[in-house]
């Protein structure tokens, strides 16, 4: 049986230092923290039968415990992971997550990699690409599609309308959760079952599964009903308009930092010796830093742990004052 979700939550809290004064034992290397989060954080979605089964890196509690120990050891000597990430220039969050997961599948103590980025072609045209073909230690042959997404809720917050996945929109209003799920279910996951796939050298049968992680952000003070597709345990953040930001920030935290896109995975942790520690500023300074940015900006709030380091306590987006109305229109298209 796969490891219980509550055990994974406790393990992740320990690894990321999210349990009060437990930061002293937390992983320190940012990439190792991101990998731990990718493997152990809750899925964004529930299973979507008949096609959309969820991927699980661990078949047994023993594999889960072995991975916990492996991550702790990797944090002590993370040079191999750093070299792997530095081998190619990475600018997209999805590509960064792919490199992390591929590293684990090649060298970790659980599910093993067969191939990554397998293109499917027909008559000279590329029909798509399978993210990962893997084999569990028990012999199951799986086709994984990985997605890491950050969506902001732009729909009704008072329960007057039915909850919809379409209400979750990308910060730049070029992506929507319902459209992404439809693409996964109707295009990406069926790729490995097509006849053309056998000609790629990886004849089936393959069991398709989706590996969808990320964060969903809700307007501060609003608690809308979750659509049925969502896992209730999904990662949550907040969003506020620029107009509301000063009052929110002053009541929420003292230390703040803008999060670059490649830091959108695991909660951040900054030691006194790290260069990022000095980048944490007060709310007024962060306001000045973001004043010229036209679109939504992800920021993180930090608290001082018992050892004098800074631990992320929440994250969210500051959005332009006209963004909510634009987002509502996009959600209804």
Protein backbone atom coordinates (compact mmCIF):
# COMPACT_ATOMS: atom_id res chain seq x y z
CA UNK A 1 0.00 0.00 0.00
CA UNK A 2 1.25 3.54 -0.74
CA UNK A 3 2.39 5.52 2.29
CA UNK A 4 -0.45 7.29 4.06
CA UNK A 5 -0.96 10.94 3.07
CA UNK A 6 -0.79 12.07 6.69
CA UNK A 7 2.67 10.54 6.95
CA UNK A 8 3.75 12.41 3.85
CA UNK A 9 2.47 15.68 5.24
CA UNK A 10 4.40 15.13 8.47
CA UNK A 11 7.55 14.17 6.59
CA UNK A 12 7.30 17.21 4.33
CA UNK A 13 6.76 19.52 7.31
CA UNK A 14 9.89 18.08 8.90
CA UNK A 15 11.98 18.38 5.76
CA UNK A 16 10.90 21.97 5.08
CA UNK A 17 10.95 23.14 8.71
CA UNK A 18 7.25 24.01 8.76
CA UNK A 19 6.52 22.67 12.24
CA UNK A 20 7.13 25.56 14.61
CA UNK A 21 10.68 25.37 15.94
CA UNK A 22 11.59 22.38 13.73
CA UNK A 23 13.53 24.61 11.32
CA UNK A 24 16.78 23.53 12.93
CA UNK A 25 16.42 20.15 11.19
CA UNK A 26 15.12 21.48 7.87
CA UNK A 27 16.67 20.93 4.48
CA UNK A 28 18.88 23.87 3.55
CA UNK A 29 19.66 23.49 -0.16
CA UNK A 30 16.91 25.23 -2.21
CA UNK A 31 16.86 22.64 -5.00
CA UNK A 32 16.66 19.74 -2.53
CA UNK A 33 13.79 21.51 -0.78
CA UNK A 34 12.04 21.95 -4.12
CA UNK A 35 12.51 18.25 -4.92
CA UNK A 36 11.11 17.23 -1.53
CA UNK A 37 8.10 19.47 -2.09
CA UNK A 38 7.56 18.07 -5.59
CA UNK A 39 7.52 14.50 -4.30
CA UNK A 40 5.61 14.94 -1.03
CA UNK A 41 3.25 17.90 -1.39
CA UNK A 42 -0.48 17.26 -1.95
CA UNK A 43 -1.77 16.94 -5.50
CA UNK A 44 -3.83 19.81 -6.83
CA UNK A 45 -6.42 17.40 -8.21
CA UNK A 46 -8.44 14.40 -7.17
CA UNK A 47 -8.37 11.38 -9.54
CA UNK A 48 -10.33 12.05 -12.73
CA UNK A 49 -11.62 8.65 -13.93
CA UNK A 50 -11.54 6.93 -16.26
CA UNK A 51 -8.32 8.43 -17.70
CA UNK A 52 -6.93 10.75 -15.05
CA UNK A 53 -5.34 8.52 -12.41
CA UNK A 54 -2.85 10.19 -10.06
CA UNK A 55 0.85 9.40 -10.12
CA UNK A 56 2.46 8.19 -6.90
CA UNK A 57 6.27 8.01 -6.60
CA UNK A 58 6.02 5.51 -3.72
CA UNK A 59 4.49 2.04 -3.82
CA UNK A 60 5.30 1.20 -0.21
CA UNK A 61 5.93 2.94 3.12
CA UNK A 62 9.48 1.60 2.89
CA UNK A 63 10.08 3.53 -0.35
CA UNK A 64 8.66 6.65 1.29
CA UNK A 65 11.00 6.32 4.28
CA UNK A 66 13.96 5.54 2.02
CA UNK A 67 13.24 8.70 0.02
CA UNK A 68 13.08 10.76 3.22
CA UNK A 69 16.53 9.47 4.19
CA UNK A 70 17.83 9.96 0.63
CA UNK A 71 16.71 13.60 0.60
CA UNK A 72 18.41 14.27 3.94
CA UNK A 73 21.65 12.78 2.59
CA UNK A 74 21.33 14.74 -0.66
CA UNK A 75 20.98 17.96 1.31
CA UNK A 76 24.35 17.31 2.95
CA UNK A 77 26.08 16.82 -0.42
CA UNK A 78 23.87 18.41 -3.10
CA UNK A 79 26.63 18.95 -5.65
CA UNK A 80 25.41 16.25 -8.06
CA UNK A 81 21.91 17.76 -8.17
CA UNK A 82 23.34 21.25 -8.65
CA UNK A 83 25.50 20.02 -11.53
CA UNK A 84 22.53 18.31 -13.15
CA UNK A 85 20.44 21.48 -12.99
CA UNK A 86 23.32 23.62 -14.28
CA UNK A 87 23.88 21.36 -17.32
CA UNK A 88 21.19 23.21 -19.28
CA UNK A 89 19.84 26.74 -19.01
CA UNK A 90 16.47 26.57 -17.25
CA UNK A 91 14.07 29.51 -17.48
CA UNK A 92 10.63 27.88 -17.20
CA UNK A 93 9.16 26.54 -13.97
CA UNK A 94 7.83 23.43 -15.70
CA UNK A 95 11.24 22.60 -17.12
CA UNK A 96 12.82 23.07 -13.68
CA UNK A 97 10.30 20.63 -12.17
CA UNK A 98 11.00 18.13 -14.96
CA UNK A 99 14.73 18.22 -14.21
CA UNK A 100 14.12 17.68 -10.51
CA UNK A 101 11.76 14.77 -11.04
CA UNK A 102 14.04 13.23 -13.65
CA UNK A 103 16.97 13.38 -11.22
CA UNK A 104 14.94 11.54 -8.58
CA UNK A 105 13.74 8.89 -11.04
CA UNK A 106 17.31 8.22 -12.16
CA UNK A 107 19.01 8.16 -8.77
CA UNK A 108 16.33 7.88 -6.06
CA UNK A 109 15.26 4.77 -4.12
CA UNK A 110 11.73 4.35 -5.53
CA UNK A 111 10.15 4.51 -9.01
CA UNK A 112 12.76 4.31 -11.76
CA UNK A 113 13.08 6.16 -15.08
CA UNK A 114 12.84 4.37 -18.42
CA UNK A 115 12.73 7.44 -20.69
CA UNK A 116 11.92 11.15 -20.54
CA UNK A 117 10.61 13.54 -23.16
CA UNK A 118 9.60 10.82 -25.63
CA UNK A 119 8.24 12.44 -28.83
CA UNK A 120 5.31 10.93 -30.70
CA UNK A 121 5.39 11.50 -34.47
CA UNK A 122 3.14 10.62 -37.39
CA UNK A 123 3.82 11.36 -41.05
CA UNK A 124 6.63 13.71 -40.12
CA UNK A 125 4.52 15.69 -37.67
CA UNK A 126 5.07 15.75 -33.91
CA UNK A 127 1.80 14.87 -32.19
CA UNK A 128 3.09 15.41 -28.66
CA UNK A 129 5.67 14.33 -26.13
CA UNK A 130 5.36 11.97 -23.18
CA UNK A 131 7.00 13.51 -20.12
CA UNK A 132 8.12 10.33 -18.34
CA UNK A 133 7.99 6.58 -18.86
CA UNK A 134 8.75 4.87 -15.55
CA UNK A 135 8.75 1.46 -13.90
CA UNK A 136 7.94 0.86 -10.27
CA UNK A 137 10.01 -1.55 -8.19
CA UNK A 138 7.00 -3.87 -8.34
CA UNK A 139 7.15 -3.88 -12.15
CA UNK A 140 4.29 -1.55 -13.14
CA UNK A 141 4.94 0.41 -16.37
CA UNK A 142 3.62 3.95 -16.11
CA UNK A 143 3.35 7.01 -18.33
CA UNK A 144 3.52 10.21 -16.25
CA UNK A 145 2.52 13.69 -17.34
CA UNK A 146 3.93 16.36 -15.05
CA UNK A 147 2.45 19.82 -14.52
CA UNK A 148 3.25 22.45 -11.90
CA UNK A 149 0.67 25.21 -11.84
CA UNK A 150 -0.12 28.39 -9.91
CA UNK A 151 -3.65 29.68 -10.42
CA UNK A 152 -5.57 32.53 -8.80
CA UNK A 153 -9.25 32.13 -7.97
CA UNK A 154 -11.26 34.80 -9.77
CA UNK A 155 -14.81 33.51 -9.35
CA UNK A 156 -17.71 33.94 -6.99
CA UNK A 157 -16.73 33.88 -3.33
CA UNK A 158 -20.11 33.94 -1.59
CA UNK A 159 -21.43 30.59 -2.77
CA UNK A 160 -24.13 32.07 -5.00
CA UNK A 161 -22.72 30.25 -8.02
CA UNK A 162 -21.47 26.70 -8.41
CA UNK A 163 -17.73 26.27 -7.94
CA UNK A 164 -15.94 25.94 -11.29
CA UNK A 165 -12.43 24.95 -12.26
CA UNK A 166 -12.61 27.70 -14.92
CA UNK A 167 -12.48 30.27 -12.11
CA UNK A 168 -8.80 29.40 -11.50
CA UNK A 169 -6.74 31.51 -13.89
CA UNK A 170 -3.06 32.05 -14.51
CA UNK A 171 -1.64 35.34 -13.18
CA UNK A 172 -1.04 36.62 -16.72
CA UNK A 173 -4.50 35.50 -17.88
CA UNK A 174 -3.08 33.16 -20.52
CA UNK A 175 -3.94 29.88 -18.80
CA UNK A 176 -6.95 28.40 -17.01
CA UNK A 177 -7.21 25.27 -14.89
CA UNK A 178 -10.18 23.77 -16.72
CA UNK A 179 -8.38 24.12 -20.06
CA UNK A 180 -5.19 22.58 -18.67
CA UNK A 181 -7.08 19.60 -17.22
CA UNK A 182 -8.93 19.04 -20.50
CA UNK A 183 -5.60 19.06 -22.38
CA UNK A 184 -4.16 16.55 -19.92
CA UNK A 185 -7.13 14.17 -20.11
CA UNK A 186 -7.86 14.34 -23.82
CA UNK A 187 -4.43 14.86 -25.39
CA UNK A 188 -1.42 14.24 -23.17
CA UNK A 189 -2.43 11.15 -21.18
CA UNK A 190 -3.75 9.19 -24.22
CA UNK A 191 -0.48 9.63 -26.17
CA UNK A 192 1.13 6.42 -24.91
CA UNK A 193 -1.90 4.37 -26.05
CA UNK A 194 -1.68 5.51 -29.69
CA UNK A 195 -0.46 3.08 -32.32
CA UNK A 196 2.31 5.46 -33.36
CA UNK A 197 3.87 5.22 -29.92
CA UNK A 198 5.11 1.67 -30.48
CA UNK A 199 7.28 2.95 -33.35
CA UNK A 200 9.12 5.16 -30.87
CA UNK A 201 10.60 2.00 -29.37
CA UNK A 202 8.49 1.90 -26.22
CA UNK A 203 5.72 -0.57 -26.99
CA UNK A 204 2.99 -0.73 -24.32
CA UNK A 205 0.99 -1.27 -22.48
CA UNK A 206 1.53 1.87 -20.38
CA UNK A 207 -0.73 3.11 -17.60
CA UNK A 208 -1.16 6.91 -17.94
CA UNK A 209 -1.12 8.99 -14.76
CA UNK A 210 -1.01 12.72 -14.05
CA UNK A 211 1.49 14.34 -11.68
CA UNK A 212 -0.06 17.76 -10.99
CA UNK A 213 1.39 19.92 -8.21
CA UNK A 214 1.28 23.61 -7.41
CA UNK A 215 -0.49 26.35 -5.47
CA UNK A 216 -3.94 27.91 -5.70
CA UNK A 217 -4.41 31.49 -4.51
CA UNK A 218 -7.56 33.05 -3.08
CA UNK A 219 -8.45 36.69 -2.53
CA UNK A 220 -7.61 37.58 1.05
CA UNK A 221 -10.68 37.24 3.25
CA UNK A 222 -12.58 35.03 0.80
CA UNK A 223 -13.18 31.27 1.23
CA UNK A 224 -15.00 30.03 -1.87
CA UNK A 225 -16.24 26.46 -2.20
CA UNK A 226 -13.76 24.12 -3.88
CA UNK A 227 -14.75 22.58 -7.22
CA UNK A 228 -15.17 18.81 -7.02
CA UNK A 229 -12.04 18.25 -9.12
CA UNK A 230 -9.70 19.72 -6.48
CA UNK A 231 -7.93 17.84 -3.70
CA UNK A 232 -9.01 19.66 -0.50
CA UNK A 233 -5.43 19.46 0.83
CA UNK A 234 -3.96 21.47 -2.08
CA UNK A 235 -1.42 24.18 -1.39
CA UNK A 236 -3.08 27.54 -0.72
CA UNK A 237 -2.01 31.16 -0.86
CA UNK A 238 -3.67 34.58 -1.07
CA UNK A 239 -3.90 37.51 -3.44
CA UNK A 240 -4.54 41.19 -2.81
CA UNK A 241 -4.80 44.26 -5.03
CA UNK A 242 -2.16 46.98 -4.91
CA UNK A 243 -4.75 49.21 -3.25
CA UNK A 244 -5.27 46.69 -0.44
CA UNK A 245 -1.63 45.64 -0.11
CA UNK A 246 -0.35 48.21 2.48
CA UNK A 247 -3.03 47.40 5.07
CA UNK A 248 -2.72 43.66 4.45
CA UNK A 249 1.08 43.64 4.63
CA UNK A 250 1.37 45.65 7.82
CA UNK A 251 -0.98 43.26 9.62
CA UNK A 252 0.50 40.09 8.15
CA UNK A 253 4.30 40.02 8.48
CA UNK A 254 7.41 42.14 8.88
CA UNK A 255 9.75 40.47 6.39
CA UNK A 256 8.93 40.10 2.69
CA UNK A 257 10.58 39.04 -0.55
CA UNK A 258 9.61 38.89 -4.22
CA UNK A 259 9.75 35.30 -5.46
CA UNK A 260 11.27 34.78 -8.93
CA UNK A 261 9.43 32.21 -11.03
CA UNK A 262 11.93 29.41 -10.39
CA UNK A 263 11.28 29.82 -6.64
CA UNK A 264 7.56 29.07 -6.89
CA UNK A 265 7.80 25.46 -5.65
CA UNK A 266 8.72 24.82 -2.01
CA UNK A 267 8.35 27.37 0.79
CA UNK A 268 11.62 29.29 1.10
CA UNK A 269 14.05 29.21 4.00
CA UNK A 270 16.92 31.69 4.35
CA UNK A 271 19.85 31.23 6.69
CA UNK A 272 21.78 34.16 8.10
CA UNK A 273 24.75 33.17 5.93
CA UNK A 274 22.74 33.02 2.69
CA UNK A 275 22.63 35.84 0.14
CA UNK A 276 18.81 35.66 -0.01
CA UNK A 277 18.60 36.55 3.68
CA UNK A 278 19.62 40.12 2.88
CA UNK A 279 16.97 40.31 0.13
CA UNK A 280 14.14 40.12 2.67
CA UNK A 281 12.75 43.62 3.26
CA UNK A 282 9.92 45.38 5.03
CA UNK A 283 6.55 45.93 3.37
CA UNK A 284 7.24 49.54 2.37
CA UNK A 285 10.50 48.61 0.67
CA UNK A 286 8.80 45.74 -1.16
CA UNK A 287 6.09 48.15 -2.32
CA UNK A 288 8.77 50.36 -3.85
CA UNK A 289 10.50 47.37 -5.45
CA UNK A 290 7.31 46.25 -7.18
CA UNK A 291 5.84 49.65 -8.07
CA UNK A 292 6.96 49.49 -11.72
CA UNK A 293 5.75 45.94 -12.36
CA UNK A 294 2.63 45.91 -14.52
CA UNK A 295 1.38 42.38 -13.84
CA UNK A 296 0.79 40.23 -10.75
CA UNK A 297 3.86 39.65 -8.57
CA UNK A 298 4.35 36.66 -6.28
CA UNK A 299 5.75 37.53 -2.87
CA UNK A 300 6.44 35.57 0.30
CA UNK A 301 6.08 36.55 3.94
CA UNK A 302 8.75 35.42 6.42
CA UNK A 303 9.05 34.97 10.16
CA UNK A 304 12.20 34.71 12.23
CA UNK A 305 12.73 31.19 13.57
CA UNK A 306 14.32 30.46 16.92
CA UNK A 307 17.78 30.30 15.35
CA UNK A 308 17.69 33.73 13.74
CA UNK A 309 16.90 32.44 10.22
CA UNK A 310 13.93 33.46 8.10
CA UNK A 311 11.21 30.91 7.27
CA UNK A 312 8.40 31.48 4.78
CA UNK A 313 5.03 31.57 6.54
CA UNK A 314 2.78 32.34 3.56
CA UNK A 315 2.88 33.40 -0.07
CA UNK A 316 0.62 35.25 -2.43
CA UNK A 317 0.24 37.67 -5.32
CA UNK A 318 0.00 41.44 -5.43
CA UNK A 319 -2.19 42.18 -8.47
CA UNK A 320 -3.01 45.45 -10.26
CA UNK A 321 -6.25 47.08 -9.16
CA UNK A 322 -7.92 46.33 -12.50
CA UNK A 323 -6.78 42.70 -12.57
CA UNK A 324 -9.77 41.17 -10.69
CA UNK A 325 -12.29 42.37 -13.27
CA UNK A 326 -10.09 41.26 -16.18
CA UNK A 327 -9.68 37.86 -14.50
CA UNK A 328 -13.44 37.44 -14.02
CA UNK A 329 -14.01 38.14 -17.71
CA UNK A 330 -11.30 35.66 -18.72
CA UNK A 331 -12.79 32.99 -16.42
CA UNK A 332 -16.14 33.29 -18.19
CA UNK A 333 -14.83 33.06 -21.76
